[in-house]
Every structure is written in structure tokens, then in C-alpha cells.
């Protein structure tokens, strides 16, 4: 058989939430994601680590505040403005 799934490039954009210190312009995850989306990638850096962002009330509130503009469909958020 030997079938291998090969996803096609999507026309939409993507939002990448990164915990902790970012790797800046050399972020390999962001670079890989860009190969799969035609609409661009907006990276949002969050303080803390994966556990503190979810379990700490302040971390969760920060994530919620940064996520809300994207869920609300605000135009500036899609371009990475003000996030």
C-alpha cells in the first residue's frame, strides 16, 4: 500500500502562540508553519511556560487577552497589530 498523507497548503493564515523566550526570526516551528499556510503566520509570544500559561490564573488571563482579538475577528489581529 504505502500511502502517505501529504497535506496541501491552506489559503488561510495561522496564529502561533509561543511560550517562554522566542527564537526570534530564526524560529524553526514558525518557519515550518509558513510552508503550510499561504495567508501568513502571526506569532504571539507569551511569558511563562506551557504549564504556567494554563494553570496560573495570571498566565491564563494573559493568554485569553491575547487570543480574544483573533477569535473576535479583529482585522488588526490578523496582521499581528497590537497583539
PDB file of N, CA and C in Angstrom:
ATOM      1  N   UNK A   1       0.830  -1.189   0.000  1.00  0.00           N
ATOM      2  CA  UNK A   1       0.000   0.000   0.000  1.00  0.00           C
ATOM      3  C   UNK A   1       0.870   1.247   0.000  1.00  0.00           C
ATOM      4  N   UNK A   2       1.537   1.551   1.100  1.00  0.00           N
ATOM      5  CA  UNK A   2       2.478   2.650   1.115  1.00  0.00           C
ATOM      6  C   UNK A   2       1.899   4.046   0.968  1.00  0.00           C
ATOM      7  N   UNK A   3       0.633   4.223   1.285  1.00  0.00           N
ATOM      8  CA  UNK A   3       0.056   5.562   1.190  1.00  0.00           C
ATOM      9  C   UNK A   3       0.607   6.452   2.293  1.00  0.00           C
ATOM     10  N   UNK A   4       0.945   7.663   1.933  1.00  0.00           N
ATOM     11  CA  UNK A   4       1.409   8.640   2.923  1.00  0.00           C
ATOM     12  C   UNK A   4       0.579   9.900   2.755  1.00  0.00           C
ATOM     13  N   UNK A   5       0.057  10.386   3.866  1.00  0.00           N
ATOM     14  CA  UNK A   5      -0.738  11.616   3.821  1.00  0.00           C
ATOM     15  C   UNK A   5       0.181  12.795   3.580  1.00  0.00           C
ATOM     16  N   UNK A   6      -0.160  13.619   2.619  1.00  0.00           N
ATOM     17  CA  UNK A   6       0.608  14.822   2.315  1.00  0.00           C
ATOM     18  C   UNK A   6      -0.369  15.994   2.256  1.00  0.00           C
ATOM     19  N   UNK A   7      -0.472  16.770   3.334  1.00  0.00           N
ATOM     20  CA  UNK A   7      -1.463  17.856   3.345  1.00  0.00           C
ATOM     21  C   UNK A   7      -1.126  18.921   2.313  1.00  0.00           C
ATOM     22  N   UNK A   8      -2.163  19.488   1.745  1.00  0.00           N
ATOM     23  CA  UNK A   8      -1.946  20.586   0.806  1.00  0.00           C
ATOM     24  C   UNK A   8      -1.816  21.892   1.584  1.00  0.00           C
ATOM     25  N   UNK A   9      -1.260  22.878   0.949  1.00  0.00           N
ATOM     26  CA  UNK A   9      -1.086  24.201   1.549  1.00  0.00           C
ATOM     27  C   UNK A   9      -2.460  24.847   1.683  1.00  0.00           C
ATOM     28  N   UNK A  10      -2.756  25.429   2.837  1.00  0.00           N
ATOM     29  CA  UNK A  10      -4.052  26.073   3.022  1.00  0.00           C
ATOM     30  C   UNK A  10      -3.947  27.558   2.696  1.00  0.00           C
ATOM     31  N   UNK A  11      -5.052  28.136   2.277  1.00  0.00           N
ATOM     32  CA  UNK A  11      -5.049  29.550   1.895  1.00  0.00           C
ATOM     33  C   UNK A  11      -5.182  30.474   3.092  1.00  0.00           C
ATOM     34  N   UNK A  12      -5.657  29.957   4.211  1.00  0.00           N
ATOM     35  CA  UNK A  12      -5.845  30.770   5.419  1.00  0.00           C
ATOM     36  C   UNK A  12      -4.507  31.083   6.081  1.00  0.00           C
ATOM     37  N   UNK A  13      -4.561  31.977   7.035  1.00  0.00           N
ATOM     38  CA  UNK A  13      -3.397  32.273   7.851  1.00  0.00           C
ATOM     39  C   UNK A  13      -3.430  31.449   9.122  1.00  0.00           C
ATOM     40  N   UNK A  14      -2.406  31.617   9.945  1.00  0.00           N
ATOM     41  CA  UNK A  14      -2.322  30.883  11.198  1.00  0.00           C
ATOM     42  C   UNK A  14      -1.776  31.787  12.288  1.00  0.00           C
ATOM     43  N   UNK A  15      -2.132  31.459  13.521  1.00  0.00           N
ATOM     44  CA  UNK A  15      -1.609  32.162  14.682  1.00  0.00           C
ATOM     45  C   UNK A  15      -0.825  31.153  15.498  1.00  0.00           C
ATOM     46  N   UNK A  16       0.413  31.482  15.794  1.00  0.00           N
ATOM     47  CA  UNK A  16       1.294  30.610  16.561  1.00  0.00           C
ATOM     48  C   UNK A  16       1.543  31.253  17.921  1.00  0.00           C
ATOM     49  N   UNK A  17       1.038  30.632  18.968  1.00  0.00           N
ATOM     50  CA  UNK A  17       1.281  31.099  20.323  1.00  0.00           C
ATOM     51  C   UNK A  17       2.513  30.375  20.843  1.00  0.00           C
ATOM     52  N   UNK A  18       3.517  31.146  21.296  1.00  0.00           N
ATOM     53  CA  UNK A  18       4.777  30.571  21.770  1.00  0.00           C
ATOM     54  C   UNK A  18       4.971  30.890  23.245  1.00  0.00           C
ATOM     55  N   UNK A  19       5.266  29.875  24.019  1.00  0.00           N
ATOM     56  CA  UNK A  19       5.531  30.047  25.448  1.00  0.00           C
ATOM     57  C   UNK A  19       7.007  30.322  25.672  1.00  0.00           C
ATOM     58  N   UNK A  20       7.295  31.166  26.645  1.00  0.00           N
ATOM     59  CA  UNK A  20       8.676  31.429  27.010  1.00  0.00           C
ATOM     60  C   UNK A  20       9.405  32.293  26.010  1.00  0.00           C
ATOM     61  N   UNK A  21      10.718  32.203  26.069  1.00  0.00           N
ATOM     62  CA  UNK A  21      11.524  33.049  25.192  1.00  0.00           C
ATOM     63  C   UNK A  21      11.425  32.564  23.753  1.00  0.00           C
ATOM     64  N   UNK A  22      11.183  33.474  22.882  1.00  0.00           N
ATOM     65  CA  UNK A  22      11.038  33.163  21.468  1.00  0.00           C
ATOM     66  C   UNK A  22      12.398  33.052  20.809  1.00  0.00           C
ATOM     67  N   UNK A  23      12.433  32.365  19.700  1.00  0.00           N
ATOM     68  CA  UNK A  23      13.674  32.234  18.948  1.00  0.00           C
ATOM     69  C   UNK A  23      13.800  33.324  17.892  1.00  0.00           C
ATOM     70  N   UNK A  24      12.926  34.303  17.942  1.00  0.00           N
ATOM     71  CA  UNK A  24      13.004  35.419  17.011  1.00  0.00           C
ATOM     72  C   UNK A  24      12.769  34.998  15.582  1.00  0.00           C
ATOM     73  N   UNK A  25      13.452  35.649  14.668  1.00  0.00           N
ATOM     74  CA  UNK A  25      13.261  35.394  13.245  1.00  0.00           C
ATOM     75  C   UNK A  25      13.729  34.002  12.845  1.00  0.00           C
ATOM     76  N   UNK A  26      14.536  33.340  13.685  1.00  0.00           N
ATOM     77  CA  UNK A  26      15.063  32.016  13.371  1.00  0.00           C
ATOM     78  C   UNK A  26      14.248  30.893  13.997  1.00  0.00           C
ATOM     79  N   UNK A  27      13.004  31.141  14.320  1.00  0.00           N
ATOM     80  CA  UNK A  27      12.153  30.145  14.970  1.00  0.00           C
ATOM     81  C   UNK A  27      11.828  29.029  13.969  1.00  0.00           C
ATOM     82  N   UNK A  28      12.341  27.812  14.184  1.00  0.00           N
ATOM     83  CA  UNK A  28      12.112  26.739  13.217  1.00  0.00           C
ATOM     84  C   UNK A  28      10.653  26.301  13.125  1.00  0.00           C
ATOM     85  N   UNK A  29       9.902  26.364  14.220  1.00  0.00           N
ATOM     86  CA  UNK A  29       8.493  25.990  14.174  1.00  0.00           C
ATOM     87  C   UNK A  29       7.711  26.982  13.318  1.00  0.00           C
ATOM     88  N   UNK A  30       7.994  28.265  13.495  1.00  0.00           N
ATOM     89  CA  UNK A  30       7.315  29.283  12.690  1.00  0.00           C
ATOM     90  C   UNK A  30       7.671  29.118  11.213  1.00  0.00           C
ATOM     91  N   UNK A  31       8.932  28.857  10.930  1.00  0.00           N
ATOM     92  CA  UNK A  31       9.365  28.671   9.537  1.00  0.00           C
ATOM     93  C   UNK A  31       8.658  27.475   8.904  1.00  0.00           C
ATOM     94  N   UNK A  32       8.543  26.385   9.638  1.00  0.00           N
ATOM     95  CA  UNK A  32       7.855  25.197   9.123  1.00  0.00           C
ATOM     96  C   UNK A  32       6.378  25.477   8.896  1.00  0.00           C
ATOM     97  N   UNK A  33       5.746  26.186   9.831  1.00  0.00           N
ATOM     98  CA  UNK A  33       4.335  26.523   9.691  1.00  0.00           C
ATOM     99  C   UNK A  33       4.097  27.371   8.450  1.00  0.00           C
ATOM    100  N   UNK A  34       4.990  28.291   8.170  1.00  0.00           N
ATOM    101  CA  UNK A  34       4.856  29.158   6.985  1.00  0.00           C
ATOM    102  C   UNK A  34       4.835  28.362   5.686  1.00  0.00           C
ATOM    103  N   UNK A  35       5.441  27.189   5.670  1.00  0.00           N
ATOM    104  CA  UNK A  35       5.426  26.378   4.446  1.00  0.00           C
ATOM    105  C   UNK A  35       4.064  25.760   4.194  1.00  0.00           C
ATOM    106  N   UNK A  36       3.173  25.766   5.192  1.00  0.00           N
ATOM    107  CA  UNK A  36       1.872  25.119   5.064  1.00  0.00           C
ATOM    108  C   UNK A  36       0.701  26.091   4.940  1.00  0.00           C
ATOM    109  N   UNK A  37       0.935  27.381   5.164  1.00  0.00           N
ATOM    110  CA  UNK A  37      -0.155  28.359   5.098  1.00  0.00           C
ATOM    111  C   UNK A  37       0.205  29.495   4.146  1.00  0.00           C
ATOM    112  N   UNK A  38      -0.724  29.825   3.273  1.00  0.00           N
ATOM    113  CA  UNK A  38      -0.490  30.898   2.307  1.00  0.00           C
ATOM    114  C   UNK A  38      -0.838  32.268   2.882  1.00  0.00           C
ATOM    115  N   UNK A  39      -1.679  32.290   3.905  1.00  0.00           N
ATOM    116  CA  UNK A  39      -2.157  33.549   4.458  1.00  0.00           C
ATOM    117  C   UNK A  39      -1.252  34.188   5.488  1.00  0.00           C
ATOM    118  N   UNK A  40      -0.074  33.646   5.704  1.00  0.00           N
ATOM    119  CA  UNK A  40       0.868  34.217   6.654  1.00  0.00           C
ATOM    120  C   UNK A  40       0.697  33.677   8.052  1.00  0.00           C
ATOM    121  N   UNK A  41       1.699  33.940   8.871  1.00  0.00           N
ATOM    122  CA  UNK A  41       1.720  33.476  10.255  1.00  0.00           C
ATOM    123  C   UNK A  41       1.931  34.677  11.168  1.00  0.00           C
ATOM    124  N   UNK A  42       1.097  34.789  12.181  1.00  0.00           N
ATOM    125  CA  UNK A  42       1.276  35.783  13.228  1.00  0.00           C
ATOM    126  C   UNK A  42       1.767  35.032  14.450  1.00  0.00           C
ATOM    127  N   UNK A  43       2.929  35.421  14.982  1.00  0.00           N
ATOM    128  CA  UNK A  43       3.450  34.787  16.187  1.00  0.00           C
ATOM    129  C   UNK A  43       3.126  35.665  17.389  1.00  0.00           C
ATOM    130  N   UNK A  44       2.604  35.039  18.436  1.00  0.00           N
ATOM    131  CA  UNK A  44       2.287  35.721  19.678  1.00  0.00           C
ATOM    132  C   UNK A  44       3.128  35.078  20.778  1.00  0.00           C
ATOM    133  N   UNK A  45       4.052  35.835  21.341  1.00  0.00           N
ATOM    134  CA  UNK A  45       4.914  35.340  22.408  1.00  0.00           C
ATOM    135  C   UNK A  45       4.248  35.591  23.752  1.00  0.00           C
ATOM    136  N   UNK A  46       4.235  34.567  24.601  1.00  0.00           N
ATOM    137  CA  UNK A  46       3.639  34.666  25.933  1.00  0.00           C
ATOM    138  C   UNK A  46       4.701  34.390  26.989  1.00  0.00           C
ATOM    139  N   UNK A  47       4.642  35.131  28.078  1.00  0.00           N
ATOM    140  CA  UNK A  47       5.569  34.911  29.191  1.00  0.00           C
ATOM    141  C   UNK A  47       5.212  33.619  29.900  1.00  0.00           C
ATOM    142  N   UNK A  48       6.201  32.937  30.408  1.00  0.00           N
ATOM    143  CA  UNK A  48       5.969  31.718  31.165  1.00  0.00           C
ATOM    144  C   UNK A  48       6.222  30.482  30.330  1.00  0.00           C
ATOM    145  N   UNK A  49       5.792  29.344  30.872  1.00  0.00           N
ATOM    146  CA  UNK A  49       5.914  28.082  30.154  1.00  0.00           C
ATOM    147  C   UNK A  49       4.521  27.522  29.911  1.00  0.00           C
ATOM    148  N   UNK A  50       4.457  26.396  29.265  1.00  0.00           N
ATOM    149  CA  UNK A  50       3.153  25.838  28.915  1.00  0.00           C
ATOM    150  C   UNK A  50       2.262  25.623  30.142  1.00  0.00           C
ATOM    151  N   UNK A  51       2.833  25.127  31.216  1.00  0.00           N
ATOM    152  CA  UNK A  51       2.036  24.861  32.412  1.00  0.00           C
ATOM    153  C   UNK A  51       1.570  26.147  33.083  1.00  0.00           C
ATOM    154  N   UNK A  52       2.451  27.136  33.199  1.00  0.00           N
ATOM    155  CA  UNK A  52       2.053  28.366  33.883  1.00  0.00           C
ATOM    156  C   UNK A  52       1.029  29.159  33.065  1.00  0.00           C
ATOM    157  N   UNK A  53       1.083  29.043  31.761  1.00  0.00           N
ATOM    158  CA  UNK A  53       0.109  29.756  30.934  1.00  0.00           C
ATOM    159  C   UNK A  53      -1.288  29.179  31.134  1.00  0.00           C
ATOM    160  N   UNK A  54      -1.374  27.886  31.344  1.00  0.00           N
ATOM    161  CA  UNK A  54      -2.674  27.244  31.508  1.00  0.00           C
ATOM    162  C   UNK A  54      -3.130  27.214  32.968  1.00  0.00           C
ATOM    163  N   UNK A  55      -2.218  26.905  33.889  1.00  0.00           N
ATOM    164  CA  UNK A  55      -2.619  26.676  35.280  1.00  0.00           C
ATOM    165  C   UNK A  55      -2.601  27.914  36.162  1.00  0.00           C
ATOM    166  N   UNK A  56      -1.748  28.870  35.865  1.00  0.00           N
ATOM    167  CA  UNK A  56      -1.658  30.083  36.663  1.00  0.00           C
ATOM    168  C   UNK A  56      -2.755  31.054  36.214  1.00  0.00           C
ATOM    169  N   UNK A  57      -3.564  31.576  37.122  1.00  0.00           N
ATOM    170  CA  UNK A  57      -4.637  32.493  36.716  1.00  0.00           C
ATOM    171  C   UNK A  57      -4.133  33.695  35.915  1.00  0.00           C
ATOM    172  N   UNK A  58      -2.991  34.238  36.288  1.00  0.00           N
ATOM    173  CA  UNK A  58      -2.454  35.383  35.529  1.00  0.00           C
ATOM    174  C   UNK A  58      -2.011  34.955  34.132  1.00  0.00           C
ATOM    175  N   UNK A  59      -1.407  33.779  34.039  1.00  0.00           N
ATOM    176  CA  UNK A  59      -0.985  33.273  32.735  1.00  0.00           C
ATOM    177  C   UNK A  59      -2.171  32.984  31.835  1.00  0.00           C
ATOM    178  N   UNK A  60      -3.208  32.381  32.409  1.00  0.00           N
ATOM    179  CA  UNK A  60      -4.416  32.077  31.639  1.00  0.00           C
ATOM    180  C   UNK A  60      -5.105  33.356  31.185  1.00  0.00           C
ATOM    181  N   UNK A  61      -5.125  34.365  32.048  1.00  0.00           N
ATOM    182  CA  UNK A  61      -5.743  35.648  31.679  1.00  0.00           C
ATOM    183  C   UNK A  61      -4.959  36.313  30.556  1.00  0.00           C
ATOM    184  N   UNK A  62      -3.634  36.216  30.613  1.00  0.00           N
ATOM    185  CA  UNK A  62      -2.810  36.800  29.547  1.00  0.00           C
ATOM    186  C   UNK A  62      -3.065  36.090  28.222  1.00  0.00           C
ATOM    187  N   UNK A  63      -3.159  34.763  28.262  1.00  0.00           N
ATOM    188  CA  UNK A  63      -3.466  34.011  27.040  1.00  0.00           C
ATOM    189  C   UNK A  63      -4.820  34.410  26.494  1.00  0.00           C
ATOM    190  N   UNK A  64      -5.821  34.481  27.364  1.00  0.00           N
ATOM    191  CA  UNK A  64      -7.170  34.846  26.934  1.00  0.00           C
ATOM    192  C   UNK A  64      -7.190  36.236  26.287  1.00  0.00           C
ATOM    193  N   UNK A  65      -6.481  37.177  26.899  1.00  0.00           N
ATOM    194  CA  UNK A  65      -6.451  38.539  26.364  1.00  0.00           C
ATOM    195  C   UNK A  65      -5.788  38.592  24.994  1.00  0.00           C
ATOM    196  N   UNK A  66      -4.739  37.783  24.794  1.00  0.00           N
ATOM    197  CA  UNK A  66      -4.030  37.771  23.512  1.00  0.00           C
ATOM    198  C   UNK A  66      -4.795  36.988  22.451  1.00  0.00           C
ATOM    199  N   UNK A  67      -5.594  36.006  22.877  1.00  0.00           N
ATOM    200  CA  UNK A  67      -6.363  35.179  21.955  1.00  0.00           C
ATOM    201  C   UNK A  67      -7.649  35.858  21.492  1.00  0.00           C
ATOM    202  N   UNK A  68      -8.259  36.638  22.360  1.00  0.00           N
ATOM    203  CA  UNK A  68      -9.567  37.242  22.083  1.00  0.00           C
ATOM    204  C   UNK A  68      -9.648  38.014  20.765  1.00  0.00           C
ATOM    205  N   UNK A  69      -8.679  38.866  20.416  1.00  0.00           N
ATOM    206  CA  UNK A  69      -8.806  39.601  19.151  1.00  0.00           C
ATOM    207  C   UNK A  69      -8.887  38.676  17.932  1.00  0.00           C
ATOM    208  N   UNK A  70      -8.211  37.545  17.988  1.00  0.00           N
ATOM    209  CA  UNK A  70      -8.270  36.615  16.872  1.00  0.00           C
ATOM    210  C   UNK A  70      -9.626  35.931  16.791  1.00  0.00           C
ATOM    211  N   UNK A  71     -10.176  35.564  17.949  1.00  0.00           N
ATOM    212  CA  UNK A  71     -11.496  34.935  17.978  1.00  0.00           C
ATOM    213  C   UNK A  71     -12.593  35.908  17.575  1.00  0.00           C
ATOM    214  N   UNK A  72     -12.396  37.175  17.903  1.00  0.00           N
ATOM    215  CA  UNK A  72     -13.376  38.199  17.552  1.00  0.00           C
ATOM    216  C   UNK A  72     -13.256  38.640  16.095  1.00  0.00           C
ATOM    217  N   UNK A  73     -12.197  38.196  15.416  1.00  0.00           N
ATOM    218  CA  UNK A  73     -12.028  38.530  14.005  1.00  0.00           C
ATOM    219  C   UNK A  73     -11.583  39.952  13.754  1.00  0.00           C
ATOM    220  N   UNK A  74     -10.912  40.559  14.714  1.00  0.00           N
ATOM    221  CA  UNK A  74     -10.441  41.931  14.527  1.00  0.00           C
ATOM    222  C   UNK A  74      -9.378  41.971  13.432  1.00  0.00           C
ATOM    223  N   UNK A  75      -9.529  42.890  12.512  1.00  0.00           N
ATOM    224  CA  UNK A  75      -8.636  42.976  11.352  1.00  0.00           C
ATOM    225  C   UNK A  75      -7.182  43.163  11.750  1.00  0.00           C
ATOM    226  N   UNK A  76      -6.918  43.993  12.732  1.00  0.00           N
ATOM    227  CA  UNK A  76      -5.544  44.234  13.153  1.00  0.00           C
ATOM    228  C   UNK A  76      -4.880  42.981  13.700  1.00  0.00           C
ATOM    229  N   UNK A  77      -5.669  42.137  14.354  1.00  0.00           N
ATOM    230  CA  UNK A  77      -5.117  40.897  14.914  1.00  0.00           C
ATOM    231  C   UNK A  77      -4.638  39.981  13.812  1.00  0.00           C
ATOM    232  N   UNK A  78      -5.344  39.927  12.707  1.00  0.00           N
ATOM    233  CA  UNK A  78      -4.937  39.056  11.612  1.00  0.00           C
ATOM    234  C   UNK A  78      -3.604  39.470  11.025  1.00  0.00           C
ATOM    235  N   UNK A  79      -3.257  40.721  11.181  1.00  0.00           N
ATOM    236  CA  UNK A  79      -1.975  41.215  10.668  1.00  0.00           C
ATOM    237  C   UNK A  79      -0.919  41.271  11.756  1.00  0.00           C
ATOM    238  N   UNK A  80      -1.271  40.903  12.976  1.00  0.00           N
ATOM    239  CA  UNK A  80      -0.317  40.926  14.072  1.00  0.00           C
ATOM    240  C   UNK A  80      -0.195  42.273  14.748  1.00  0.00           C
ATOM    241  N   UNK A  81      -1.092  43.184  14.444  1.00  0.00           N
ATOM    242  CA  UNK A  81      -1.034  44.523  15.023  1.00  0.00           C
ATOM    243  C   UNK A  81      -1.670  44.517  16.409  1.00  0.00           C
ATOM    244  N   UNK A  82      -0.930  44.992  17.380  1.00  0.00           N
ATOM    245  CA  UNK A  82      -1.472  45.154  18.726  1.00  0.00           C
ATOM    246  C   UNK A  82      -1.645  43.866  19.494  1.00  0.00           C
ATOM    247  N   UNK A  83      -0.974  42.805  19.074  1.00  0.00           N
ATOM    248  CA  UNK A  83      -1.093  41.533  19.822  1.00  0.00           C
ATOM    249  C   UNK A  83       0.146  41.299  20.648  1.00  0.00           C
TER     250      UNK A  83
END
